[in-house]
Amino acid sequence: MTEIYYVYWIKLPESTDPFKEGYVGITKNLNKRFSVHRRSAKKGSNYIVHKAIRKYGWKNLQAFAIAVSSLDSCKEQEILLRPKENIGWNICAGGIR
C-alpha cells in the first residue's frame, strides 16, 4: 500500500497563482505541518514563509492541500510549482529533501 502525501499551499486570500505566490510544501500530515509552521513563526524563524505568517497572521492566510498522492508524485508536482529557488515564499527549489 502506497503512503499518502500532500502538496500544500499557504497563501494570501487574494493569491491566485501557486506557480508564483505563497509557499508550497509536501507533508504526510497537514495539521501537524501547519502547527510546525505556526510554531516556527512564533519562535522567530527567519524563513520567508514564517515571516509572512508573522506579518499577516495565520488566521489571515489560507492553507490547504492542492494534491494528494504518493511521495514521488508529490515531489514531481512540487518541482513543477517550484522549479527554482526563491519563488513566492519558498527559498529552495521543489522536491529537495
Protein backbone atom coordinates (compact mmCIF):
# COMPACT_ATOMS: atom_id res chain seq x y z
CA MET A 1 0.00 0.00 0.00
CA THR A 2 1.35 3.42 -1.01
CA GLU A 3 1.61 6.04 1.70
CA ILE A 4 -0.40 9.21 1.14
CA TYR A 5 1.33 12.60 0.96
CA TYR A 6 0.05 16.11 0.32
CA VAL A 7 1.34 19.05 -1.66
CA TYR A 8 0.10 22.07 0.24
CA TRP A 9 -0.11 25.78 -0.45
CA ILE A 10 -0.02 28.57 2.14
CA LYS A 11 -1.17 31.84 0.61
CA LEU A 12 -2.89 35.16 0.99
CA PRO A 13 -6.62 35.08 0.17
CA GLU A 14 -6.07 37.24 -2.92
CA SER A 15 -3.32 34.99 -4.29
CA THR A 16 -4.40 33.00 -7.33
CA ASP A 17 -1.20 31.55 -8.81
CA PRO A 18 0.53 28.68 -6.98
CA PHE A 19 3.34 28.90 -9.57
CA LYS A 20 4.36 32.33 -8.26
CA GLU A 21 2.75 33.12 -4.91
CA GLY A 22 2.78 31.87 -1.33
CA TYR A 23 4.54 28.77 -0.05
CA VAL A 24 4.36 25.24 -1.46
CA GLY A 25 5.46 22.20 0.52
CA ILE A 26 4.99 18.46 0.96
CA THR A 27 3.83 16.69 4.08
CA LYS A 28 2.31 13.47 5.31
CA ASN A 29 0.24 15.22 7.98
CA LEU A 30 -1.29 18.61 7.13
CA ASN A 31 -2.42 19.61 10.61
CA LYS A 32 0.93 18.74 12.18
CA ARG A 33 2.89 20.54 9.44
CA PHE A 34 0.76 23.67 9.71
CA SER A 35 1.28 23.63 13.50
CA VAL A 36 5.04 23.40 12.99
CA HIS A 37 4.94 26.39 10.61
CA ARG A 38 2.94 28.44 13.14
CA ARG A 39 5.26 27.44 15.99
CA SER A 40 8.37 28.27 13.97
CA ALA A 41 6.94 31.66 13.07
CA LYS A 42 6.12 32.35 16.72
CA LYS A 43 9.66 31.39 17.75
CA GLY A 44 11.10 33.95 15.32
CA SER A 45 12.29 31.78 12.41
CA ASN A 46 13.72 33.89 9.60
CA TYR A 47 12.35 31.72 6.78
CA ILE A 48 10.27 33.84 4.42
CA VAL A 49 7.13 31.76 4.99
CA HIS A 50 7.45 32.26 8.76
CA LYS A 51 7.99 35.98 8.34
CA ALA A 52 4.82 36.05 6.22
CA ILE A 53 2.89 34.21 8.94
CA ARG A 54 4.02 36.82 11.48
CA LYS A 55 3.30 39.72 9.12
CA TYR A 56 -0.20 38.67 8.02
CA GLY A 57 -1.24 36.41 10.90
CA TRP A 58 -2.08 32.73 10.44
CA LYS A 59 -5.83 33.45 10.53
CA ASN A 60 -5.44 35.82 7.57
CA LEU A 61 -3.77 33.18 5.40
CA GLN A 62 -5.22 30.18 3.61
CA ALA A 63 -3.51 26.80 3.89
CA PHE A 64 -4.74 23.68 2.14
CA ALA A 65 -3.79 20.62 0.10
CA ILE A 66 -3.58 21.09 -3.65
CA ALA A 67 -2.56 17.48 -4.44
CA VAL A 68 -2.82 14.13 -2.69
CA SER A 69 -0.70 11.25 -3.92
CA SER A 70 2.43 9.16 -3.38
CA LEU A 71 5.61 10.86 -2.24
CA ASP A 72 7.18 10.57 -5.70
CA SER A 73 4.14 12.12 -7.39
CA CYS A 74 4.01 14.93 -4.82
CA LYS A 75 7.70 15.66 -5.40
CA GLU A 76 7.04 15.86 -9.14
CA GLN A 77 4.15 18.28 -8.53
CA GLU A 78 6.26 20.41 -6.19
CA ILE A 79 9.07 20.56 -8.77
CA LEU A 80 6.55 21.84 -11.34
CA LEU A 81 5.35 24.52 -8.93
CA ARG A 82 8.81 25.46 -7.62
CA PRO A 83 11.35 24.62 -10.38
CA LYS A 84 13.94 27.00 -8.95
CA GLU A 85 14.72 28.71 -5.67
CA ASN A 86 13.15 31.94 -4.41
CA ILE A 87 9.66 31.59 -5.87
CA GLY A 88 6.94 33.06 -3.67
CA TRP A 89 7.78 32.37 -0.04
CA ASN A 90 9.91 29.31 -0.88
CA ILE A 91 13.68 29.65 -0.68
CA CYS A 92 14.53 26.25 -2.22
CA ALA A 93 13.53 24.57 -5.44
CA GLY A 94 10.81 21.95 -5.04
CA GLY A 95 11.48 18.28 -4.46
CA ILE A 96 14.68 18.85 -2.48
CA ARG A 97 14.78 16.64 0.61
